[in-house]
N, C-alpha and C. Protein backbone atom coordinates (compact mmCIF):
# COMPACT_ATOMS: atom_id res chain seq x y z
N MET A 1 94.07 60.51 120.16
CA MET A 1 94.23 61.47 119.07
C MET A 1 94.38 60.71 117.77
N THR A 2 93.73 61.19 116.76
CA THR A 2 93.88 60.58 115.44
C THR A 2 95.17 61.07 114.82
N ASN A 3 95.63 60.34 113.83
CA ASN A 3 96.84 60.73 113.13
C ASN A 3 96.58 62.01 112.34
N PRO A 4 97.33 63.09 112.60
CA PRO A 4 97.06 64.35 111.92
C PRO A 4 97.48 64.38 110.45
N THR A 5 98.10 63.32 109.96
CA THR A 5 98.60 63.32 108.59
C THR A 5 97.51 63.60 107.57
N ASN A 6 96.31 63.11 107.80
CA ASN A 6 95.23 63.26 106.83
C ASN A 6 94.33 64.45 107.12
N HIS A 7 94.78 65.37 107.94
CA HIS A 7 93.97 66.52 108.30
C HIS A 7 94.57 67.80 107.73
N THR A 8 93.72 68.80 107.54
CA THR A 8 94.20 70.09 107.05
C THR A 8 94.92 70.82 108.17
N GLN A 9 95.69 71.83 107.80
CA GLN A 9 96.39 72.64 108.80
C GLN A 9 95.39 73.31 109.73
N ASP A 10 94.25 73.75 109.20
CA ASP A 10 93.22 74.38 110.04
C ASP A 10 92.67 73.39 111.05
N GLU A 11 92.42 72.15 110.61
CA GLU A 11 91.90 71.13 111.54
C GLU A 11 92.91 70.82 112.64
N ILE A 12 94.18 70.74 112.26
CA ILE A 12 95.22 70.49 113.25
C ILE A 12 95.30 71.66 114.23
N GLY A 13 95.20 72.88 113.70
CA GLY A 13 95.23 74.06 114.56
C GLY A 13 94.07 74.08 115.53
N GLU A 14 92.86 73.76 115.04
CA GLU A 14 91.70 73.71 115.92
C GLU A 14 91.89 72.67 117.01
N PHE A 15 92.44 71.52 116.65
CA PHE A 15 92.70 70.47 117.63
C PHE A 15 93.70 70.95 118.67
N ALA A 16 94.76 71.64 118.22
CA ALA A 16 95.77 72.16 119.15
C ALA A 16 95.15 73.17 120.11
N ILE A 17 94.27 74.02 119.61
CA ILE A 17 93.62 75.00 120.46
C ILE A 17 92.72 74.30 121.48
N GLU A 18 91.96 73.31 121.02
CA GLU A 18 91.09 72.57 121.93
C GLU A 18 91.91 71.88 123.02
N CYS A 19 93.02 71.27 122.64
CA CYS A 19 93.88 70.61 123.62
C CYS A 19 94.46 71.62 124.60
N GLY A 20 94.88 72.75 124.07
CA GLY A 20 95.44 73.78 124.94
C GLY A 20 94.44 74.31 125.92
N LEU A 21 93.18 74.44 125.48
CA LEU A 21 92.14 74.92 126.39
C LEU A 21 91.82 73.85 127.42
N ALA A 22 91.86 72.58 127.02
CA ALA A 22 91.58 71.50 127.95
C ALA A 22 92.73 71.28 128.92
N ASP A 23 93.94 71.48 128.46
CA ASP A 23 95.13 71.30 129.29
C ASP A 23 96.06 72.48 129.04
N PRO A 24 95.93 73.55 129.83
CA PRO A 24 96.72 74.75 129.59
C PRO A 24 98.23 74.53 129.60
N THR A 25 98.71 73.44 130.22
CA THR A 25 100.15 73.20 130.21
C THR A 25 100.65 72.93 128.79
N LEU A 26 99.77 72.47 127.90
CA LEU A 26 100.17 72.21 126.53
C LEU A 26 100.52 73.50 125.78
N LEU A 27 100.01 74.62 126.26
CA LEU A 27 100.34 75.90 125.62
C LEU A 27 101.83 76.21 125.73
N HIS A 28 102.49 75.60 126.69
CA HIS A 28 103.91 75.87 126.93
C HIS A 28 104.80 74.71 126.47
N THR A 29 104.19 73.66 125.97
CA THR A 29 104.94 72.48 125.55
C THR A 29 105.65 72.75 124.23
N ARG A 30 106.90 72.32 124.17
CA ARG A 30 107.69 72.47 122.95
C ARG A 30 107.76 71.13 122.24
N TRP A 31 107.58 71.18 120.92
CA TRP A 31 107.66 69.98 120.11
C TRP A 31 109.09 69.49 120.11
N ASP A 32 109.28 68.21 120.33
CA ASP A 32 110.62 67.63 120.45
C ASP A 32 111.51 67.91 119.25
N ARG A 33 110.97 67.79 118.06
CA ARG A 33 111.78 67.88 116.86
C ARG A 33 112.31 69.29 116.59
N THR A 34 111.51 70.31 116.85
CA THR A 34 111.92 71.67 116.49
C THR A 34 112.06 72.59 117.69
N GLY A 35 111.55 72.19 118.83
CA GLY A 35 111.57 73.05 120.00
C GLY A 35 110.51 74.14 119.96
N GLU A 36 109.58 74.07 119.01
CA GLU A 36 108.53 75.09 118.86
C GLU A 36 107.35 74.82 119.76
N THR A 37 106.76 75.91 120.25
CA THR A 37 105.45 75.82 120.87
C THR A 37 104.41 76.01 119.77
N ALA A 38 103.16 75.78 120.12
CA ALA A 38 102.08 76.01 119.14
C ALA A 38 102.08 77.47 118.70
N LEU A 39 102.34 78.38 119.65
CA LEU A 39 102.36 79.80 119.31
C LEU A 39 103.52 80.13 118.38
N ASP A 40 104.68 79.51 118.62
CA ASP A 40 105.81 79.71 117.71
C ASP A 40 105.43 79.32 116.29
N GLY A 41 104.76 78.17 116.16
CA GLY A 41 104.36 77.69 114.85
C GLY A 41 103.36 78.62 114.19
N ALA A 42 102.41 79.11 114.96
CA ALA A 42 101.42 80.05 114.41
C ALA A 42 102.10 81.34 113.97
N ALA A 43 103.06 81.81 114.76
CA ALA A 43 103.71 83.09 114.45
C ALA A 43 104.54 83.01 113.18
N HIS A 44 105.38 82.00 113.04
CA HIS A 44 106.28 81.98 111.89
C HIS A 44 105.57 81.59 110.59
N THR A 45 104.35 81.07 110.70
CA THR A 45 103.57 80.79 109.50
C THR A 45 102.52 81.87 109.23
N GLY A 46 102.49 82.89 110.08
CA GLY A 46 101.59 84.01 109.86
C GLY A 46 100.13 83.72 110.13
N GLN A 47 99.86 82.76 110.99
CA GLN A 47 98.48 82.40 111.31
C GLN A 47 97.98 83.24 112.48
N ALA A 48 97.56 84.45 112.16
CA ALA A 48 97.17 85.42 113.18
C ALA A 48 95.98 84.95 114.02
N GLU A 49 94.99 84.38 113.37
CA GLU A 49 93.80 83.94 114.12
C GLU A 49 94.16 82.86 115.13
N MET A 50 94.99 81.91 114.71
CA MET A 50 95.40 80.86 115.64
C MET A 50 96.22 81.46 116.78
N ALA A 51 97.12 82.37 116.45
CA ALA A 51 97.94 83.00 117.48
C ALA A 51 97.06 83.73 118.50
N GLU A 52 96.05 84.44 118.01
CA GLU A 52 95.13 85.16 118.92
C GLU A 52 94.40 84.18 119.84
N HIS A 53 93.96 83.04 119.29
CA HIS A 53 93.30 82.02 120.12
C HIS A 53 94.25 81.50 121.19
N LEU A 54 95.47 81.20 120.80
CA LEU A 54 96.44 80.68 121.75
C LEU A 54 96.77 81.70 122.83
N LEU A 55 96.90 82.96 122.45
CA LEU A 55 97.16 84.01 123.44
C LEU A 55 95.97 84.15 124.40
N ALA A 56 94.77 84.10 123.86
CA ALA A 56 93.57 84.20 124.69
C ALA A 56 93.47 83.03 125.67
N ALA A 57 94.04 81.89 125.26
CA ALA A 57 94.00 80.71 126.12
C ALA A 57 95.13 80.71 127.15
N GLY A 58 96.02 81.69 127.07
CA GLY A 58 97.06 81.80 128.10
C GLY A 58 98.49 81.64 127.62
N ALA A 59 98.70 81.43 126.33
CA ALA A 59 100.08 81.35 125.84
C ALA A 59 100.74 82.72 126.02
N PRO A 60 102.00 82.73 126.41
CA PRO A 60 102.68 84.01 126.64
C PRO A 60 103.09 84.69 125.33
N LEU A 61 102.83 85.98 125.24
CA LEU A 61 103.22 86.76 124.07
C LEU A 61 104.74 86.91 124.04
N ASP A 62 105.32 86.75 122.87
CA ASP A 62 106.75 87.01 122.68
C ASP A 62 106.89 88.04 121.56
N ILE A 63 108.11 88.53 121.36
CA ILE A 63 108.33 89.59 120.38
C ILE A 63 108.01 89.16 118.95
N PHE A 64 108.23 87.90 118.64
CA PHE A 64 108.00 87.41 117.28
C PHE A 64 106.50 87.38 116.96
N THR A 65 105.73 86.89 117.91
CA THR A 65 104.28 86.87 117.72
C THR A 65 103.74 88.29 117.69
N ALA A 66 104.25 89.14 118.58
CA ALA A 66 103.82 90.55 118.59
C ALA A 66 104.10 91.20 117.23
N ALA A 67 105.26 90.92 116.66
CA ALA A 67 105.61 91.50 115.36
C ALA A 67 104.69 90.97 114.27
N MET A 68 104.46 89.65 114.24
CA MET A 68 103.58 89.06 113.22
C MET A 68 102.17 89.64 113.32
N LEU A 69 101.71 89.91 114.53
CA LEU A 69 100.37 90.45 114.73
C LEU A 69 100.32 91.96 114.51
N GLY A 70 101.48 92.58 114.33
CA GLY A 70 101.51 94.02 114.12
C GLY A 70 101.29 94.83 115.38
N ARG A 71 101.59 94.25 116.52
CA ARG A 71 101.42 94.93 117.80
C ARG A 71 102.67 95.77 118.11
N THR A 72 102.72 96.90 117.49
CA THR A 72 103.91 97.76 117.56
C THR A 72 104.27 98.13 118.99
N GLU A 73 103.28 98.50 119.80
CA GLU A 73 103.57 98.90 121.19
C GLU A 73 104.19 97.75 121.98
N ALA A 74 103.73 96.54 121.75
CA ALA A 74 104.30 95.38 122.44
C ALA A 74 105.73 95.14 121.97
N VAL A 75 105.99 95.29 120.67
CA VAL A 75 107.35 95.13 120.15
C VAL A 75 108.27 96.17 120.80
N ILE A 76 107.80 97.40 120.89
CA ILE A 76 108.60 98.46 121.54
C ILE A 76 108.91 98.08 122.98
N ALA A 77 107.92 97.58 123.70
CA ALA A 77 108.13 97.19 125.10
C ALA A 77 109.17 96.08 125.21
N PHE A 78 109.10 95.08 124.32
CA PHE A 78 110.09 94.01 124.33
C PHE A 78 111.49 94.57 124.06
N LEU A 79 111.60 95.45 123.08
CA LEU A 79 112.90 96.02 122.73
C LEU A 79 113.43 96.94 123.81
N ASP A 80 112.54 97.67 124.48
CA ASP A 80 112.98 98.51 125.60
C ASP A 80 113.54 97.64 126.73
N GLY A 81 112.94 96.47 126.92
CA GLY A 81 113.42 95.55 127.96
C GLY A 81 114.69 94.82 127.58
N ASP A 82 114.87 94.54 126.30
CA ASP A 82 116.07 93.83 125.83
C ASP A 82 116.36 94.25 124.40
N PRO A 83 117.18 95.29 124.24
CA PRO A 83 117.48 95.80 122.89
C PRO A 83 118.08 94.77 121.95
N ASP A 84 118.73 93.74 122.48
CA ASP A 84 119.34 92.72 121.62
C ASP A 84 118.30 91.87 120.88
N LEU A 85 117.06 91.89 121.33
CA LEU A 85 116.03 91.12 120.65
C LEU A 85 115.84 91.55 119.20
N VAL A 86 116.23 92.78 118.87
CA VAL A 86 116.06 93.27 117.51
C VAL A 86 116.84 92.42 116.50
N SER A 87 117.88 91.75 116.97
CA SER A 87 118.69 90.90 116.10
C SER A 87 118.46 89.41 116.35
N ALA A 88 117.48 89.09 117.17
CA ALA A 88 117.22 87.70 117.52
C ALA A 88 116.49 86.98 116.40
N GLY A 89 116.59 85.68 116.42
CA GLY A 89 115.85 84.84 115.49
C GLY A 89 114.76 84.08 116.22
N GLY A 90 113.64 83.92 115.59
CA GLY A 90 112.53 83.16 116.17
C GLY A 90 112.64 81.69 115.80
N ALA A 91 111.50 81.05 115.63
CA ALA A 91 111.48 79.64 115.24
C ALA A 91 112.31 79.43 113.98
N HIS A 92 113.11 78.38 113.98
CA HIS A 92 113.97 78.03 112.85
C HIS A 92 115.00 79.14 112.55
N GLY A 93 115.24 80.05 113.49
CA GLY A 93 116.18 81.14 113.28
C GLY A 93 115.66 82.24 112.37
N ILE A 94 114.36 82.25 112.13
CA ILE A 94 113.77 83.24 111.23
C ILE A 94 113.94 84.64 111.84
N PRO A 95 114.51 85.57 111.07
CA PRO A 95 114.75 86.93 111.59
C PRO A 95 113.46 87.67 111.94
N LEU A 96 113.55 88.53 112.93
CA LEU A 96 112.42 89.32 113.40
C LEU A 96 111.79 90.13 112.27
N LEU A 97 112.61 90.60 111.34
CA LEU A 97 112.10 91.39 110.22
C LEU A 97 111.07 90.61 109.40
N VAL A 98 111.24 89.31 109.30
CA VAL A 98 110.29 88.48 108.54
C VAL A 98 108.93 88.47 109.25
N TYR A 99 108.95 88.34 110.57
CA TYR A 99 107.70 88.36 111.33
C TYR A 99 107.00 89.70 111.14
N ALA A 100 107.77 90.78 111.16
CA ALA A 100 107.19 92.10 110.93
C ALA A 100 106.62 92.20 109.52
N GLY A 101 107.27 91.58 108.55
CA GLY A 101 106.75 91.56 107.19
C GLY A 101 105.41 90.87 107.10
N LEU A 102 105.20 89.84 107.93
CA LEU A 102 103.92 89.14 107.96
C LEU A 102 102.79 90.03 108.46
N SER A 103 103.14 91.10 109.18
CA SER A 103 102.11 91.99 109.72
C SER A 103 101.56 92.94 108.66
N GLY A 104 102.36 93.19 107.62
CA GLY A 104 101.94 94.15 106.61
C GLY A 104 102.17 95.59 107.00
N LYS A 105 102.89 95.83 108.09
CA LYS A 105 103.07 97.18 108.60
C LYS A 105 104.49 97.70 108.33
N VAL A 106 104.61 98.59 107.37
CA VAL A 106 105.90 99.18 107.04
C VAL A 106 106.48 99.92 108.24
N ASP A 107 105.65 100.59 109.01
CA ASP A 107 106.16 101.34 110.17
C ASP A 107 106.83 100.41 111.19
N LEU A 108 106.38 99.18 111.28
CA LEU A 108 107.01 98.22 112.18
C LEU A 108 108.39 97.80 111.64
N LEU A 109 108.48 97.60 110.35
CA LEU A 109 109.77 97.30 109.73
C LEU A 109 110.74 98.46 109.98
N GLU A 110 110.26 99.67 109.79
CA GLU A 110 111.11 100.85 110.00
C GLU A 110 111.57 100.95 111.45
N LEU A 111 110.68 100.66 112.38
CA LEU A 111 111.03 100.67 113.80
C LEU A 111 112.19 99.71 114.08
N LEU A 112 112.10 98.51 113.53
CA LEU A 112 113.15 97.52 113.77
C LEU A 112 114.49 98.00 113.22
N VAL A 113 114.48 98.62 112.06
CA VAL A 113 115.73 99.14 111.49
C VAL A 113 116.25 100.30 112.34
N GLU A 114 115.36 101.18 112.78
CA GLU A 114 115.77 102.29 113.65
C GLU A 114 116.40 101.80 114.94
N ARG A 115 115.94 100.64 115.41
CA ARG A 115 116.46 100.06 116.65
C ARG A 115 117.70 99.20 116.43
N GLY A 116 118.20 99.19 115.20
CA GLY A 116 119.44 98.45 114.92
C GLY A 116 119.25 97.10 114.29
N GLY A 117 118.05 96.73 113.98
CA GLY A 117 117.78 95.43 113.36
C GLY A 117 117.70 95.55 111.86
N GLY A 118 117.21 94.52 111.25
CA GLY A 118 116.98 94.55 109.82
C GLY A 118 118.21 94.27 108.98
N LYS A 119 119.27 93.78 109.61
CA LYS A 119 120.46 93.43 108.83
C LYS A 119 120.23 92.13 108.08
N GLU A 120 119.31 91.33 108.59
CA GLU A 120 118.93 90.07 107.95
C GLU A 120 117.42 90.03 107.82
N GLY A 121 116.96 89.35 106.84
CA GLY A 121 115.53 89.11 106.75
C GLY A 121 114.79 89.85 105.67
N HIS A 122 115.47 90.71 104.90
CA HIS A 122 114.76 91.45 103.86
C HIS A 122 114.12 90.52 102.83
N THR A 123 114.85 89.52 102.39
CA THR A 123 114.31 88.62 101.38
C THR A 123 113.19 87.76 101.96
N GLY A 124 113.34 87.32 103.20
CA GLY A 124 112.26 86.58 103.86
C GLY A 124 111.01 87.43 104.01
N ALA A 125 111.21 88.71 104.35
CA ALA A 125 110.07 89.63 104.47
C ALA A 125 109.42 89.85 103.11
N LEU A 126 110.21 89.84 102.04
CA LEU A 126 109.65 89.96 100.70
C LEU A 126 108.77 88.76 100.38
N HIS A 127 109.22 87.57 100.73
CA HIS A 127 108.39 86.39 100.52
C HIS A 127 107.09 86.49 101.32
N ALA A 128 107.19 86.92 102.57
CA ALA A 128 105.99 87.08 103.40
C ALA A 128 105.03 88.06 102.75
N ALA A 129 105.55 89.19 102.30
CA ALA A 129 104.72 90.22 101.67
C ALA A 129 104.10 89.72 100.37
N SER A 130 104.86 88.97 99.60
CA SER A 130 104.37 88.47 98.32
C SER A 130 103.26 87.44 98.53
N ARG A 131 103.42 86.58 99.52
CA ARG A 131 102.38 85.58 99.81
C ARG A 131 101.08 86.22 100.26
N ARG A 132 101.19 87.39 100.90
CA ARG A 132 100.01 88.03 101.49
C ARG A 132 99.49 89.23 100.70
N GLY A 133 100.22 89.64 99.69
CA GLY A 133 99.77 90.77 98.89
C GLY A 133 100.07 92.13 99.49
N TYR A 134 101.07 92.21 100.34
CA TYR A 134 101.44 93.47 100.98
C TYR A 134 102.43 94.23 100.09
N VAL A 135 101.90 94.96 99.13
CA VAL A 135 102.72 95.65 98.14
C VAL A 135 103.63 96.69 98.81
N ASP A 136 103.13 97.42 99.79
CA ASP A 136 103.95 98.45 100.45
C ASP A 136 105.14 97.82 101.17
N VAL A 137 104.92 96.70 101.82
CA VAL A 137 106.02 96.00 102.50
C VAL A 137 107.01 95.49 101.46
N ALA A 138 106.51 94.92 100.38
CA ALA A 138 107.38 94.41 99.32
C ALA A 138 108.25 95.52 98.75
N ARG A 139 107.65 96.66 98.47
CA ARG A 139 108.42 97.79 97.93
C ARG A 139 109.50 98.23 98.94
N TRP A 140 109.13 98.29 100.20
CA TRP A 140 110.05 98.73 101.25
C TRP A 140 111.28 97.81 101.31
N VAL A 141 111.06 96.50 101.31
CA VAL A 141 112.20 95.58 101.41
C VAL A 141 112.98 95.50 100.10
N LEU A 142 112.31 95.65 98.98
CA LEU A 142 113.02 95.68 97.70
C LEU A 142 113.92 96.91 97.63
N ASP A 143 113.44 98.03 98.15
CA ASP A 143 114.27 99.24 98.18
C ASP A 143 115.51 99.07 99.05
N ARG A 144 115.48 98.10 99.93
CA ARG A 144 116.60 97.86 100.83
C ARG A 144 117.38 96.60 100.49
N GLY A 145 117.22 96.12 99.27
CA GLY A 145 118.07 95.05 98.78
C GLY A 145 117.53 93.64 98.81
N ALA A 146 116.25 93.46 99.08
CA ALA A 146 115.70 92.10 99.05
C ALA A 146 115.90 91.50 97.66
N ASP A 147 116.18 90.22 97.62
CA ASP A 147 116.44 89.51 96.37
C ASP A 147 115.15 88.97 95.79
N SER A 148 114.68 89.58 94.72
CA SER A 148 113.40 89.16 94.12
C SER A 148 113.50 87.82 93.40
N ALA A 149 114.69 87.31 93.21
CA ALA A 149 114.85 86.02 92.53
C ALA A 149 115.05 84.86 93.51
N ALA A 150 115.17 85.16 94.79
CA ALA A 150 115.42 84.11 95.79
C ALA A 150 114.19 83.22 95.96
N LYS A 151 114.46 81.96 96.18
CA LYS A 151 113.38 80.99 96.38
C LYS A 151 113.13 80.81 97.88
N ASP A 152 111.88 80.55 98.22
CA ASP A 152 111.51 80.34 99.61
C ASP A 152 111.65 78.86 99.98
N PHE A 153 111.15 78.49 101.15
CA PHE A 153 111.25 77.12 101.64
C PHE A 153 110.57 76.12 100.70
N ALA A 154 109.62 76.58 99.90
CA ALA A 154 108.90 75.71 98.97
C ALA A 154 109.49 75.76 97.56
N GLY A 155 110.60 76.49 97.41
CA GLY A 155 111.25 76.57 96.12
C GLY A 155 110.61 77.56 95.16
N LYS A 156 109.86 78.53 95.68
CA LYS A 156 109.18 79.50 94.84
C LYS A 156 109.76 80.90 95.02
N THR A 157 109.79 81.63 93.92
CA THR A 157 110.20 83.04 93.98
C THR A 157 108.98 83.88 94.38
N PRO A 158 109.22 85.12 94.81
CA PRO A 158 108.08 86.00 95.10
C PRO A 158 107.16 86.18 93.88
N LEU A 159 107.74 86.25 92.69
CA LEU A 159 106.92 86.40 91.49
C LEU A 159 106.04 85.17 91.27
N GLU A 160 106.57 83.99 91.50
CA GLU A 160 105.76 82.77 91.37
C GLU A 160 104.62 82.77 92.39
N GLN A 161 104.91 83.22 93.61
CA GLN A 161 103.86 83.28 94.64
C GLN A 161 102.76 84.25 94.20
N ALA A 162 103.16 85.42 93.74
CA ALA A 162 102.18 86.44 93.32
C ALA A 162 101.38 85.96 92.10
N THR A 163 102.04 85.28 91.18
CA THR A 163 101.36 84.78 89.99
C THR A 163 100.32 83.73 90.36
N GLU A 164 100.65 82.85 91.29
CA GLU A 164 99.70 81.83 91.73
C GLU A 164 98.45 82.46 92.33
N ARG A 165 98.61 83.61 92.95
CA ARG A 165 97.49 84.31 93.58
C ARG A 165 96.83 85.31 92.64
N ASN A 166 97.33 85.43 91.41
CA ASN A 166 96.82 86.40 90.45
C ASN A 166 96.83 87.82 91.01
N ASP A 167 97.91 88.14 91.72
CA ASP A 167 98.05 89.46 92.35
C ASP A 167 98.76 90.40 91.37
N GLU A 168 97.98 91.06 90.55
CA GLU A 168 98.54 91.91 89.49
C GLU A 168 99.41 93.04 90.04
N ALA A 169 99.01 93.64 91.15
CA ALA A 169 99.80 94.73 91.73
C ALA A 169 101.17 94.23 92.18
N MET A 170 101.19 93.07 92.82
CA MET A 170 102.47 92.51 93.28
C MET A 170 103.32 92.09 92.09
N ILE A 171 102.71 91.48 91.11
CA ILE A 171 103.44 91.06 89.90
C ILE A 171 104.09 92.27 89.25
N ALA A 172 103.34 93.35 89.09
CA ALA A 172 103.87 94.57 88.47
C ALA A 172 105.04 95.12 89.28
N LEU A 173 104.89 95.16 90.59
CA LEU A 173 105.97 95.66 91.45
C LEU A 173 107.22 94.81 91.30
N LEU A 174 107.08 93.52 91.38
CA LEU A 174 108.24 92.63 91.29
C LEU A 174 108.93 92.76 89.93
N ARG A 175 108.14 92.88 88.89
CA ARG A 175 108.74 93.06 87.55
C ARG A 175 109.45 94.41 87.45
N GLU A 176 108.88 95.42 88.10
CA GLU A 176 109.51 96.76 88.14
C GLU A 176 110.92 96.66 88.75
N TYR A 177 111.09 95.73 89.69
CA TYR A 177 112.37 95.54 90.36
C TYR A 177 113.19 94.43 89.73
N GLY A 178 112.82 93.99 88.54
CA GLY A 178 113.66 93.07 87.78
C GLY A 178 113.31 91.60 87.89
N ALA A 179 112.24 91.25 88.57
CA ALA A 179 111.88 89.83 88.66
C ALA A 179 111.44 89.33 87.30
N GLU A 180 111.86 88.11 87.00
CA GLU A 180 111.51 87.50 85.73
C GLU A 180 110.83 86.17 85.96
N ALA A 181 109.94 85.83 85.04
CA ALA A 181 109.21 84.54 85.16
C ALA A 181 110.11 83.38 84.81
């Protein structure tokens, strides 16, 4: 294997998929440093296409990936089997609400709150929505107290993310809720 340092995230993902297809046991291997599987990494970064490839290759679906992919029926099945999952954290302790925010589906966010979740993760879901242009999700989490001034893992506010993408609708929404440049 070549050193992945000089490769793009897409190239690394393609390599991971190829390895997983060549050796299906790698689909279940956890990285020593973080304990993540390839599917965990795809889910918490919102890489739906990679997650779908990994699932097709035999990686087991979990509630976090199901939420990121917007698979509401699968999320319901997981919660019916273990109601405590609604408050569980995925990779790096990221709240389930953030994964649902990556899906762009407000109804999934509402389901999690109805099931007793959503006590944590509103601001993370706002960042997910801002990065992806999901104005409805952003409005939903802002209405429930998400902090529009909070910085993400890269040190950026939702407004900075939206500005970088020239997302006028998101910029207007964030400013409506008090975000400042």
